């Protein structure tokens, strides 16, 4: 297996982290906006997008688990990226609070 340069994310790690950030985003949109506004159309629309992203995460994880590709996934690196890249989203700030920063609960 090819080892990535120290500190650099591999393309596979980047794809997985981006997909996981999308999961955070769509889950937050459904729970924080769709339910708060009682908007069933919005919930249905975002749930469809969430399902597509969940399938993408499952596919990426399956490829790595089955040994396709030549790069292992460093989940600690992916987790740090997801925590950092999720900060623009309310759900991301709630799930991954930054030290010294109070999470915002408004939309």
PDB file of N, CA and C in Angstrom:
ATOM      1  N   UNK A   1       0.828  -1.189   0.000  1.00  0.00           N
ATOM      2  CA  UNK A   1       0.000   0.000   0.000  1.00  0.00           C
ATOM      3  C   UNK A   1       0.868   1.247   0.000  1.00  0.00           C
ATOM      4  N   UNK A   2       0.463   2.195  -0.772  1.00  0.00           N
ATOM      5  CA  UNK A   2       1.191   3.467  -0.836  1.00  0.00           C
ATOM      6  C   UNK A   2       0.880   4.284   0.415  1.00  0.00           C
ATOM      7  N   UNK A   3       1.894   4.811   1.024  1.00  0.00           N
ATOM      8  CA  UNK A   3       1.726   5.662   2.199  1.00  0.00           C
ATOM      9  C   UNK A   3       1.733   7.118   1.766  1.00  0.00           C
ATOM     10  N   UNK A   4       0.770   7.901   2.224  1.00  0.00           N
ATOM     11  CA  UNK A   4       0.737   9.311   1.847  1.00  0.00           C
ATOM     12  C   UNK A   4       1.841  10.089   2.540  1.00  0.00           C
ATOM     13  N   UNK A   5       2.182  11.218   1.945  1.00  0.00           N
ATOM     14  CA  UNK A   5       3.146  12.110   2.582  1.00  0.00           C
ATOM     15  C   UNK A   5       2.571  12.573   3.910  1.00  0.00           C
ATOM     16  N   UNK A   6       3.431  12.790   4.859  1.00  0.00           N
ATOM     17  CA  UNK A   6       2.995  13.218   6.184  1.00  0.00           C
ATOM     18  C   UNK A   6       2.140  14.477   6.081  1.00  0.00           C
ATOM     19  N   UNK A   7       0.962  14.422   6.671  1.00  0.00           N
ATOM     20  CA  UNK A   7       0.080  15.576   6.690  1.00  0.00           C
ATOM     21  C   UNK A   7      -0.787  15.737   5.463  1.00  0.00           C
ATOM     22  N   UNK A   8      -0.434  15.084   4.366  1.00  0.00           N
ATOM     23  CA  UNK A   8      -1.218  15.212   3.140  1.00  0.00           C
ATOM     24  C   UNK A   8      -2.297  14.134   3.111  1.00  0.00           C
ATOM     25  N   UNK A   9      -3.474  14.519   2.675  1.00  0.00           N
ATOM     26  CA  UNK A   9      -4.547  13.539   2.526  1.00  0.00           C
ATOM     27  C   UNK A   9      -4.453  12.908   1.141  1.00  0.00           C
ATOM     28  N   UNK A  10      -4.736  11.633   1.097  1.00  0.00           N
ATOM     29  CA  UNK A  10      -4.786  10.952  -0.193  1.00  0.00           C
ATOM     30  C   UNK A  10      -6.094  11.332  -0.892  1.00  0.00           C
ATOM     31  N   UNK A  11      -6.182  11.117  -2.195  1.00  0.00           N
ATOM     32  CA  UNK A  11      -7.453  11.371  -2.880  1.00  0.00           C
ATOM     33  C   UNK A  11      -8.612  10.565  -2.280  1.00  0.00           C
ATOM     34  N   UNK A  12      -8.359   9.324  -1.891  1.00  0.00           N
ATOM     35  CA  UNK A  12      -9.414   8.492  -1.297  1.00  0.00           C
ATOM     36  C   UNK A  12      -9.865   9.062   0.044  1.00  0.00           C
ATOM     37  N   UNK A  13      -8.913   9.525   0.850  1.00  0.00           N
ATOM     38  CA  UNK A  13      -9.266  10.134   2.135  1.00  0.00           C
ATOM     39  C   UNK A  13     -10.068  11.411   1.926  1.00  0.00           C
ATOM     40  N   UNK A  14      -9.676  12.192   0.941  1.00  0.00           N
ATOM     41  CA  UNK A  14     -10.384  13.437   0.642  1.00  0.00           C
ATOM     42  C   UNK A  14     -11.808  13.149   0.187  1.00  0.00           C
ATOM     43  N   UNK A  15     -11.978  12.181  -0.704  1.00  0.00           N
ATOM     44  CA  UNK A  15     -13.327  11.832  -1.181  1.00  0.00           C
ATOM     45  C   UNK A  15     -14.211  11.367  -0.030  1.00  0.00           C
ATOM     46  N   UNK A  16     -13.659  10.536   0.855  1.00  0.00           N
ATOM     47  CA  UNK A  16     -14.432  10.042   1.990  1.00  0.00           C
ATOM     48  C   UNK A  16     -14.789  11.184   2.935  1.00  0.00           C
ATOM     49  N   UNK A  17     -13.828  12.042   3.244  1.00  0.00           N
ATOM     50  CA  UNK A  17     -14.098  13.171   4.140  1.00  0.00           C
ATOM     51  C   UNK A  17     -15.155  14.097   3.552  1.00  0.00           C
ATOM     52  N   UNK A  18     -15.056  14.386   2.269  1.00  0.00           N
ATOM     53  CA  UNK A  18     -16.050  15.257   1.622  1.00  0.00           C
ATOM     54  C   UNK A  18     -17.443  14.636   1.679  1.00  0.00           C
ATOM     55  N   UNK A  19     -17.524  13.337   1.457  1.00  0.00           N
ATOM     56  CA  UNK A  19     -18.823  12.664   1.515  1.00  0.00           C
ATOM     57  C   UNK A  19     -19.380  12.681   2.935  1.00  0.00           C
ATOM     58  N   UNK A  20     -18.522  12.490   3.924  1.00  0.00           N
ATOM     59  CA  UNK A  20     -18.977  12.521   5.315  1.00  0.00           C
ATOM     60  C   UNK A  20     -19.437  13.920   5.722  1.00  0.00           C
ATOM     61  N   UNK A  21     -18.769  14.947   5.231  1.00  0.00           N
ATOM     62  CA  UNK A  21     -19.212  16.321   5.494  1.00  0.00           C
ATOM     63  C   UNK A  21     -20.594  16.537   4.880  1.00  0.00           C
ATOM     64  N   UNK A  22     -20.824  15.986   3.714  1.00  0.00           N
ATOM     65  CA  UNK A  22     -22.153  16.090   3.103  1.00  0.00           C
ATOM     66  C   UNK A  22     -23.206  15.396   3.958  1.00  0.00           C
ATOM     67  N   UNK A  23     -22.852  14.267   4.572  1.00  0.00           N
ATOM     68  CA  UNK A  23     -23.787  13.604   5.488  1.00  0.00           C
ATOM     69  C   UNK A  23     -24.144  14.520   6.645  1.00  0.00           C
ATOM     70  N   UNK A  24     -23.146  15.168   7.217  1.00  0.00           N
ATOM     71  CA  UNK A  24     -23.391  16.112   8.313  1.00  0.00           C
ATOM     72  C   UNK A  24     -24.310  17.230   7.839  1.00  0.00           C
ATOM     73  N   UNK A  25     -24.005  17.794   6.678  1.00  0.00           N
ATOM     74  CA  UNK A  25     -24.783  18.901   6.135  1.00  0.00           C
ATOM     75  C   UNK A  25     -26.241  18.503   5.919  1.00  0.00           C
ATOM     76  N   UNK A  26     -26.489  17.434   5.194  1.00  0.00           N
ATOM     77  CA  UNK A  26     -27.870  17.054   4.882  1.00  0.00           C
ATOM     78  C   UNK A  26     -28.638  16.592   6.113  1.00  0.00           C
ATOM     79  N   UNK A  27     -27.973  15.889   7.026  1.00  0.00           N
ATOM     80  CA  UNK A  27     -28.645  15.490   8.260  1.00  0.00           C
ATOM     81  C   UNK A  27     -29.069  16.725   9.042  1.00  0.00           C
ATOM     82  N   UNK A  28     -28.174  17.691   9.146  1.00  0.00           N
ATOM     83  CA  UNK A  28     -28.504  18.930   9.841  1.00  0.00           C
ATOM     84  C   UNK A  28     -29.633  19.684   9.165  1.00  0.00           C
ATOM     85  N   UNK A  29     -29.610  19.749   7.852  1.00  0.00           N
ATOM     86  CA  UNK A  29     -30.673  20.458   7.127  1.00  0.00           C
ATOM     87  C   UNK A  29     -32.030  19.821   7.402  1.00  0.00           C
ATOM     88  N   UNK A  30     -32.065  18.496   7.376  1.00  0.00           N
ATOM     89  CA  UNK A  30     -33.332  17.798   7.615  1.00  0.00           C
ATOM     90  C   UNK A  30     -33.822  18.056   9.030  1.00  0.00           C
ATOM     91  N   UNK A  31     -32.949  17.872  10.005  1.00  0.00           N
ATOM     92  CA  UNK A  31     -33.369  17.963  11.400  1.00  0.00           C
ATOM     93  C   UNK A  31     -33.525  19.389  11.903  1.00  0.00           C
ATOM     94  N   UNK A  32     -32.672  20.282  11.471  1.00  0.00           N
ATOM     95  CA  UNK A  32     -32.700  21.639  12.006  1.00  0.00           C
ATOM     96  C   UNK A  32     -33.594  22.586  11.218  1.00  0.00           C
ATOM     97  N   UNK A  33     -33.761  22.352   9.943  1.00  0.00           N
ATOM     98  CA  UNK A  33     -34.568  23.261   9.125  1.00  0.00           C
ATOM     99  C   UNK A  33     -35.898  22.616   8.755  1.00  0.00           C
ATOM    100  N   UNK A  34     -35.844  21.441   8.160  1.00  0.00           N
ATOM    101  CA  UNK A  34     -37.066  20.786   7.697  1.00  0.00           C
ATOM    102  C   UNK A  34     -38.064  20.525   8.798  1.00  0.00           C
ATOM    103  N   UNK A  35     -37.593  20.006   9.922  1.00  0.00           N
ATOM    104  CA  UNK A  35     -38.508  19.743  11.027  1.00  0.00           C
ATOM    105  C   UNK A  35     -38.948  21.028  11.709  1.00  0.00           C
ATOM    106  N   UNK A  36     -38.032  21.963  11.872  1.00  0.00           N
ATOM    107  CA  UNK A  36     -38.382  23.230  12.523  1.00  0.00           C
ATOM    108  C   UNK A  36     -39.441  23.983  11.730  1.00  0.00           C
ATOM    109  N   UNK A  37     -39.354  23.914  10.420  1.00  0.00           N
ATOM    110  CA  UNK A  37     -40.317  24.610   9.559  1.00  0.00           C
ATOM    111  C   UNK A  37     -41.513  23.731   9.198  1.00  0.00           C
ATOM    112  N   UNK A  38     -41.517  22.483   9.676  1.00  0.00           N
ATOM    113  CA  UNK A  38     -42.584  21.528   9.371  1.00  0.00           C
ATOM    114  C   UNK A  38     -42.823  21.442   7.865  1.00  0.00           C
ATOM    115  N   UNK A  39     -41.729  21.378   7.112  1.00  0.00           N
ATOM    116  CA  UNK A  39     -41.802  21.396   5.659  1.00  0.00           C
ATOM    117  C   UNK A  39     -41.492  20.001   5.119  1.00  0.00           C
ATOM    118  N   UNK A  40     -42.542  19.233   4.867  1.00  0.00           N
ATOM    119  CA  UNK A  40     -42.375  17.854   4.418  1.00  0.00           C
ATOM    120  C   UNK A  40     -41.696  17.774   3.051  1.00  0.00           C
ATOM    121  N   UNK A  41     -41.992  18.711   2.168  1.00  0.00           N
ATOM    122  CA  UNK A  41     -41.341  18.718   0.852  1.00  0.00           C
ATOM    123  C   UNK A  41     -39.823  18.892   1.012  1.00  0.00           C
ATOM    124  N   UNK A  42     -39.410  19.823   1.864  1.00  0.00           N
ATOM    125  CA  UNK A  42     -37.988  20.072   2.102  1.00  0.00           C
ATOM    126  C   UNK A  42     -37.335  18.817   2.685  1.00  0.00           C
ATOM    127  N   UNK A  43     -37.993  18.212   3.683  1.00  0.00           N
ATOM    128  CA  UNK A  43     -37.452  16.999   4.305  1.00  0.00           C
ATOM    129  C   UNK A  43     -37.282  15.898   3.258  1.00  0.00           C
ATOM    130  N   UNK A  44     -38.283  15.705   2.420  1.00  0.00           N
ATOM    131  CA  UNK A  44     -38.198  14.670   1.391  1.00  0.00           C
ATOM    132  C   UNK A  44     -37.091  14.928   0.392  1.00  0.00           C
ATOM    133  N   UNK A  45     -36.960  16.187  -0.014  1.00  0.00           N
ATOM    134  CA  UNK A  45     -35.913  16.554  -0.970  1.00  0.00           C
ATOM    135  C   UNK A  45     -34.527  16.292  -0.392  1.00  0.00           C
ATOM    136  N   UNK A  46     -34.301  16.749   0.823  1.00  0.00           N
ATOM    137  CA  UNK A  46     -32.981  16.582   1.440  1.00  0.00           C
ATOM    138  C   UNK A  46     -32.729  15.131   1.836  1.00  0.00           C
ATOM    139  N   UNK A  47     -33.781  14.393   2.186  1.00  0.00           N
ATOM    140  CA  UNK A  47     -33.609  12.974   2.520  1.00  0.00           C
ATOM    141  C   UNK A  47     -33.133  12.192   1.297  1.00  0.00           C
ATOM    142  N   UNK A  48     -33.626  12.560   0.124  1.00  0.00           N
ATOM    143  CA  UNK A  48     -33.145  11.920  -1.101  1.00  0.00           C
ATOM    144  C   UNK A  48     -31.669  12.190  -1.329  1.00  0.00           C
ATOM    145  N   UNK A  49     -31.260  13.444  -1.107  1.00  0.00           N
ATOM    146  CA  UNK A  49     -29.842  13.797  -1.252  1.00  0.00           C
ATOM    147  C   UNK A  49     -29.003  13.070  -0.203  1.00  0.00           C
ATOM    148  N   UNK A  50     -29.535  12.967   1.021  1.00  0.00           N
ATOM    149  CA  UNK A  50     -28.833  12.265   2.096  1.00  0.00           C
ATOM    150  C   UNK A  50     -28.630  10.793   1.730  1.00  0.00           C
ATOM    151  N   UNK A  51     -29.641  10.177   1.159  1.00  0.00           N
ATOM    152  CA  UNK A  51     -29.529   8.771   0.757  1.00  0.00           C
ATOM    153  C   UNK A  51     -28.452   8.585  -0.313  1.00  0.00           C
ATOM    154  N   UNK A  52     -28.384   9.507  -1.255  1.00  0.00           N
ATOM    155  CA  UNK A  52     -27.352   9.430  -2.299  1.00  0.00           C
ATOM    156  C   UNK A  52     -25.952   9.533  -1.699  1.00  0.00           C
ATOM    157  N   UNK A  53     -25.785  10.458  -0.758  1.00  0.00           N
ATOM    158  CA  UNK A  53     -24.475  10.631  -0.123  1.00  0.00           C
ATOM    159  C   UNK A  53     -24.139   9.412   0.727  1.00  0.00           C
ATOM    160  N   UNK A  54     -25.123   8.867   1.440  1.00  0.00           N
ATOM    161  CA  UNK A  54     -24.883   7.671   2.252  1.00  0.00           C
ATOM    162  C   UNK A  54     -24.449   6.502   1.370  1.00  0.00           C
ATOM    163  N   UNK A  55     -25.057   6.373   0.201  1.00  0.00           N
ATOM    164  CA  UNK A  55     -24.633   5.330  -0.744  1.00  0.00           C
ATOM    165  C   UNK A  55     -23.191   5.555  -1.193  1.00  0.00           C
ATOM    166  N   UNK A  56     -22.829   6.819  -1.411  1.00  0.00           N
ATOM    167  CA  UNK A  56     -21.458   7.132  -1.827  1.00  0.00           C
ATOM    168  C   UNK A  56     -20.472   6.752  -0.723  1.00  0.00           C
ATOM    169  N   UNK A  57     -20.808   7.069   0.538  1.00  0.00           N
ATOM    170  CA  UNK A  57     -19.935   6.703   1.663  1.00  0.00           C
ATOM    171  C   UNK A  57     -19.805   5.182   1.740  1.00  0.00           C
ATOM    172  N   UNK A  58     -20.922   4.482   1.607  1.00  0.00           N
ATOM    173  CA  UNK A  58     -20.883   3.017   1.657  1.00  0.00           C
ATOM    174  C   UNK A  58     -20.012   2.458   0.537  1.00  0.00           C
ATOM    175  N   UNK A  59     -20.129   3.030  -0.638  1.00  0.00           N
ATOM    176  CA  UNK A  59     -19.308   2.576  -1.760  1.00  0.00           C
ATOM    177  C   UNK A  59     -17.830   2.809  -1.531  1.00  0.00           C
ATOM    178  N   UNK A  60     -17.494   3.990  -1.036  1.00  0.00           N
ATOM    179  CA  UNK A  60     -16.085   4.300  -0.766  1.00  0.00           C
ATOM    180  C   UNK A  60     -15.527   3.382   0.312  1.00  0.00           C
ATOM    181  N   UNK A  61     -16.292   3.184   1.377  1.00  0.00           N
ATOM    182  CA  UNK A  61     -15.838   2.305   2.457  1.00  0.00           C
ATOM    183  C   UNK A  61     -15.715   0.868   1.962  1.00  0.00           C
ATOM    184  N   UNK A  62     -16.647   0.440   1.132  1.00  0.00           N
ATOM    185  CA  UNK A  62     -16.597  -0.917   0.594  1.00  0.00           C
ATOM    186  C   UNK A  62     -15.389  -1.156  -0.282  1.00  0.00           C
ATOM    187  N   UNK A  63     -15.036  -0.159  -1.096  1.00  0.00           N
ATOM    188  CA  UNK A  63     -13.856  -0.286  -1.955  1.00  0.00           C
ATOM    189  C   UNK A  63     -12.600  -0.480  -1.122  1.00  0.00           C
ATOM    190  N   UNK A  64     -12.472   0.296  -0.068  1.00  0.00           N
ATOM    191  CA  UNK A  64     -11.286   0.192   0.784  1.00  0.00           C
ATOM    192  C   UNK A  64     -11.291  -1.139   1.525  1.00  0.00           C
ATOM    193  N   UNK A  65     -12.445  -1.513   2.063  1.00  0.00           N
ATOM    194  CA  UNK A  65     -12.549  -2.760   2.825  1.00  0.00           C
ATOM    195  C   UNK A  65     -12.224  -3.971   1.953  1.00  0.00           C
ATOM    196  N   UNK A  66     -12.625  -3.932   0.698  1.00  0.00           N
ATOM    197  CA  UNK A  66     -12.377  -5.056  -0.206  1.00  0.00           C
ATOM    198  C   UNK A  66     -10.987  -5.009  -0.829  1.00  0.00           C
ATOM    199  N   UNK A  67     -10.213  -3.998  -0.467  1.00  0.00           N
ATOM    200  CA  UNK A  67      -8.841  -3.930  -0.939  1.00  0.00           C
ATOM    201  C   UNK A  67      -8.658  -3.333  -2.313  1.00  0.00           C
ATOM    202  N   UNK A  68      -9.708  -2.711  -2.853  1.00  0.00           N
ATOM    203  CA  UNK A  68      -9.545  -2.049  -4.154  1.00  0.00           C
ATOM    204  C   UNK A  68      -8.777  -0.754  -3.948  1.00  0.00           C
ATOM    205  N   UNK A  69      -7.924  -0.451  -4.859  1.00  0.00           N
ATOM    206  CA  UNK A  69      -7.080   0.732  -4.712  1.00  0.00           C
ATOM    207  C   UNK A  69      -5.810   0.349  -3.992  1.00  0.00           C
ATOM    208  N   UNK A  70      -4.897   1.283  -3.918  1.00  0.00           N
ATOM    209  CA  UNK A  70      -3.613   0.951  -3.295  1.00  0.00           C
ATOM    210  C   UNK A  70      -3.288   1.865  -2.122  1.00  0.00           C
ATOM    211  N   UNK A  71      -4.276   2.517  -1.571  1.00  0.00           N
ATOM    212  CA  UNK A  71      -4.039   3.426  -0.458  1.00  0.00           C
ATOM    213  C   UNK A  71      -4.958   3.080   0.694  1.00  0.00           C
ATOM    214  N   UNK A  72      -4.396   2.969   1.865  1.00  0.00           N
ATOM    215  CA  UNK A  72      -5.240   2.739   3.032  1.00  0.00           C
ATOM    216  C   UNK A  72      -5.833   4.071   3.479  1.00  0.00           C
ATOM    217  N   UNK A  73      -6.931   4.007   4.186  1.00  0.00           N
ATOM    218  CA  UNK A  73      -7.593   5.201   4.701  1.00  0.00           C
ATOM    219  C   UNK A  73      -7.175   5.386   6.156  1.00  0.00           C
ATOM    220  N   UNK A  74      -6.636   6.539   6.448  1.00  0.00           N
ATOM    221  CA  UNK A  74      -6.296   6.885   7.833  1.00  0.00           C
ATOM    222  C   UNK A  74      -7.507   7.614   8.411  1.00  0.00           C
ATOM    223  N   UNK A  75      -8.289   6.883   9.208  1.00  0.00           N
ATOM    224  CA  UNK A  75      -9.537   7.448   9.709  1.00  0.00           C
ATOM    225  C   UNK A  75      -9.308   8.620  10.655  1.00  0.00           C
ATOM    226  N   UNK A  76      -8.174   8.658  11.345  1.00  0.00           N
ATOM    227  CA  UNK A  76      -7.902   9.807  12.205  1.00  0.00           C
ATOM    228  C   UNK A  76      -7.742  11.076  11.369  1.00  0.00           C
ATOM    229  N   UNK A  77      -7.119  10.957  10.219  1.00  0.00           N
ATOM    230  CA  UNK A  77      -6.949  12.098   9.313  1.00  0.00           C
ATOM    231  C   UNK A  77      -8.304  12.503   8.739  1.00  0.00           C
ATOM    232  N   UNK A  78      -9.090  11.518   8.336  1.00  0.00           N
ATOM    233  CA  UNK A  78     -10.426  11.796   7.801  1.00  0.00           C
ATOM    234  C   UNK A  78     -11.286  12.470   8.871  1.00  0.00           C
ATOM    235  N   UNK A  79     -11.234  11.966  10.100  1.00  0.00           N
ATOM    236  CA  UNK A  79     -12.041  12.540  11.185  1.00  0.00           C
ATOM    237  C   UNK A  79     -11.674  13.998  11.444  1.00  0.00           C
ATOM    238  N   UNK A  80     -10.389  14.305  11.435  1.00  0.00           N
ATOM    239  CA  UNK A  80      -9.972  15.705  11.640  1.00  0.00           C
ATOM    240  C   UNK A  80     -10.465  16.592  10.503  1.00  0.00           C
ATOM    241  N   UNK A  81     -10.392  16.094   9.287  1.00  0.00           N
ATOM    242  CA  UNK A  81     -10.870  16.873   8.141  1.00  0.00           C
ATOM    243  C   UNK A  81     -12.375  17.101   8.233  1.00  0.00           C
ATOM    244  N   UNK A  82     -13.118  16.067   8.582  1.00  0.00           N
ATOM    245  CA  UNK A  82     -14.573  16.207   8.700  1.00  0.00           C
ATOM    246  C   UNK A  82     -14.915  17.229   9.782  1.00  0.00           C
ATOM    247  N   UNK A  83     -14.238  17.155  10.916  1.00  0.00           N
ATOM    248  CA  UNK A  83     -14.500  18.119  11.992  1.00  0.00           C
ATOM    249  C   UNK A  83     -14.219  19.546  11.533  1.00  0.00           C
ATOM    250  N   UNK A  84     -13.136  19.747  10.818  1.00  0.00           N
ATOM    251  CA  UNK A  84     -12.778  21.094  10.351  1.00  0.00           C
ATOM    252  C   UNK A  84     -13.697  21.563   9.229  1.00  0.00           C
ATOM    253  N   UNK A  85     -13.943  20.707   8.271  1.00  0.00           N
ATOM    254  CA  UNK A  85     -14.730  21.096   7.095  1.00  0.00           C
ATOM    255  C   UNK A  85     -16.218  21.201   7.392  1.00  0.00           C
ATOM    256  N   UNK A  86     -16.673  20.660   8.529  1.00  0.00           N
ATOM    257  CA  UNK A  86     -18.090  20.731   8.899  1.00  0.00           C
ATOM    258  C   UNK A  86     -18.446  22.026   9.614  1.00  0.00           C
ATOM    259  N   UNK A  87     -17.463  22.826   9.959  1.00  0.00           N
ATOM    260  CA  UNK A  87     -17.717  24.026  10.749  1.00  0.00           C
ATOM    261  C   UNK A  87     -18.659  25.041  10.098  1.00  0.00           C
ATOM    262  N   UNK A  88     -18.738  25.171   8.785  1.00  0.00           N
ATOM    263  CA  UNK A  88     -19.702  26.118   8.206  1.00  0.00           C
ATOM    264  C   UNK A  88     -21.168  25.721   8.444  1.00  0.00           C
ATOM    265  N   UNK A  89     -21.408  24.472   8.810  1.00  0.00           N
ATOM    266  CA  UNK A  89     -22.766  23.969   8.988  1.00  0.00           C
ATOM    267  C   UNK A  89     -23.112  23.918  10.474  1.00  0.00           C
ATOM    268  N   UNK A  90     -24.338  24.319  10.815  1.00  0.00           N
ATOM    269  CA  UNK A  90     -24.771  24.304  12.212  1.00  0.00           C
ATOM    270  C   UNK A  90     -24.583  22.922  12.819  1.00  0.00           C
ATOM    271  N   UNK A  91     -24.991  21.884  12.112  1.00  0.00           N
ATOM    272  CA  UNK A  91     -24.832  20.524  12.631  1.00  0.00           C
ATOM    273  C   UNK A  91     -23.360  20.193  12.861  1.00  0.00           C
ATOM    274  N   UNK A  92     -22.496  20.667  11.999  1.00  0.00           N
ATOM    275  CA  UNK A  92     -21.061  20.439  12.168  1.00  0.00           C
ATOM    276  C   UNK A  92     -20.517  21.114  13.410  1.00  0.00           C
ATOM    277  N   UNK A  93     -20.977  22.336  13.654  1.00  0.00           N
ATOM    278  CA  UNK A  93     -20.519  23.042  14.861  1.00  0.00           C
ATOM    279  C   UNK A  93     -21.040  22.364  16.121  1.00  0.00           C
ATOM    280  N   UNK A  94     -22.247  21.789  16.047  1.00  0.00           N
ATOM    281  CA  UNK A  94     -22.798  21.083  17.201  1.00  0.00           C
ATOM    282  C   UNK A  94     -22.107  19.739  17.423  1.00  0.00           C
ATOM    283  N   UNK A  95     -21.807  19.042  16.343  1.00  0.00           N
ATOM    284  CA  UNK A  95     -21.154  17.735  16.462  1.00  0.00           C
ATOM    285  C   UNK A  95     -19.671  17.836  16.798  1.00  0.00           C
ATOM    286  N   UNK A  96     -19.025  18.881  16.282  1.00  0.00           N
ATOM    287  CA  UNK A  96     -17.578  19.035  16.443  1.00  0.00           C
ATOM    288  C   UNK A  96     -17.263  20.422  16.993  1.00  0.00           C
ATOM    289  N   UNK A  97     -17.650  20.688  18.254  1.00  0.00           N
ATOM    290  CA  UNK A  97     -17.416  22.030  18.802  1.00  0.00           C
ATOM    291  C   UNK A  97     -15.926  22.333  18.925  1.00  0.00           C
ATOM    292  N   UNK A  98     -15.590  23.560  18.649  1.00  0.00           N
ATOM    293  CA  UNK A  98     -14.210  24.027  18.773  1.00  0.00           C
ATOM    294  C   UNK A  98     -13.988  24.530  20.196  1.00  0.00           C
ATOM    295  N   UNK A  99     -12.814  24.263  20.766  1.00  0.00           N
ATOM    296  CA  UNK A  99     -12.521  24.750  22.115  1.00  0.00           C
ATOM    297  C   UNK A  99     -12.683  26.269  22.186  1.00  0.00           C
ATOM    298  N   UNK A 100     -13.346  26.715  23.241  1.00  0.00           N
ATOM    299  CA  UNK A 100     -13.511  28.150  23.448  1.00  0.00           C
ATOM    300  C   UNK A 100     -14.580  28.783  22.582  1.00  0.00           C
ATOM    301  N   UNK A 101     -15.316  27.980  21.853  1.00  0.00           N
ATOM    302  CA  UNK A 101     -16.357  28.519  20.972  1.00  0.00           C
ATOM    303  C   UNK A 101     -17.683  27.861  21.321  1.00  0.00           C
ATOM    304  N   UNK A 102     -18.657  28.688  21.650  1.00  0.00           N
ATOM    305  CA  UNK A 102     -19.974  28.159  21.985  1.00  0.00           C
ATOM    306  C   UNK A 102     -20.697  27.778  20.701  1.00  0.00           C
ATOM    307  N   UNK A 103     -21.278  26.578  20.670  1.00  0.00           N
ATOM    308  CA  UNK A 103     -21.991  26.184  19.452  1.00  0.00           C
ATOM    309  C   UNK A 103     -23.237  27.032  19.243  1.00  0.00           C
ATOM    310  N   UNK A 104     -23.452  27.402  18.010  1.00  0.00           N
ATOM    311  CA  UNK A 104     -24.632  28.173  17.637  1.00  0.00           C
ATOM    312  C   UNK A 104     -25.743  27.189  17.309  1.00  0.00           C
ATOM    313  N   UNK A 105     -26.927  27.423  17.864  1.00  0.00           N
ATOM    314  CA  UNK A 105     -28.024  26.498  17.610  1.00  0.00           C
ATOM    315  C   UNK A 105     -29.067  27.072  16.665  1.00  0.00           C
ATOM    316  N   UNK A 106     -28.914  28.321  16.269  1.00  0.00           N
ATOM    317  CA  UNK A 106     -29.870  28.878  15.311  1.00  0.00           C
ATOM    318  C   UNK A 106     -29.492  28.432  13.913  1.00  0.00           C
ATOM    319  N   UNK A 107     -30.446  28.555  12.990  1.00  0.00           N
ATOM    320  CA  UNK A 107     -30.185  28.147  11.619  1.00  0.00           C
ATOM    321  C   UNK A 107     -29.267  29.132  10.986  1.00  0.00           C
TER     322      UNK A 107
END
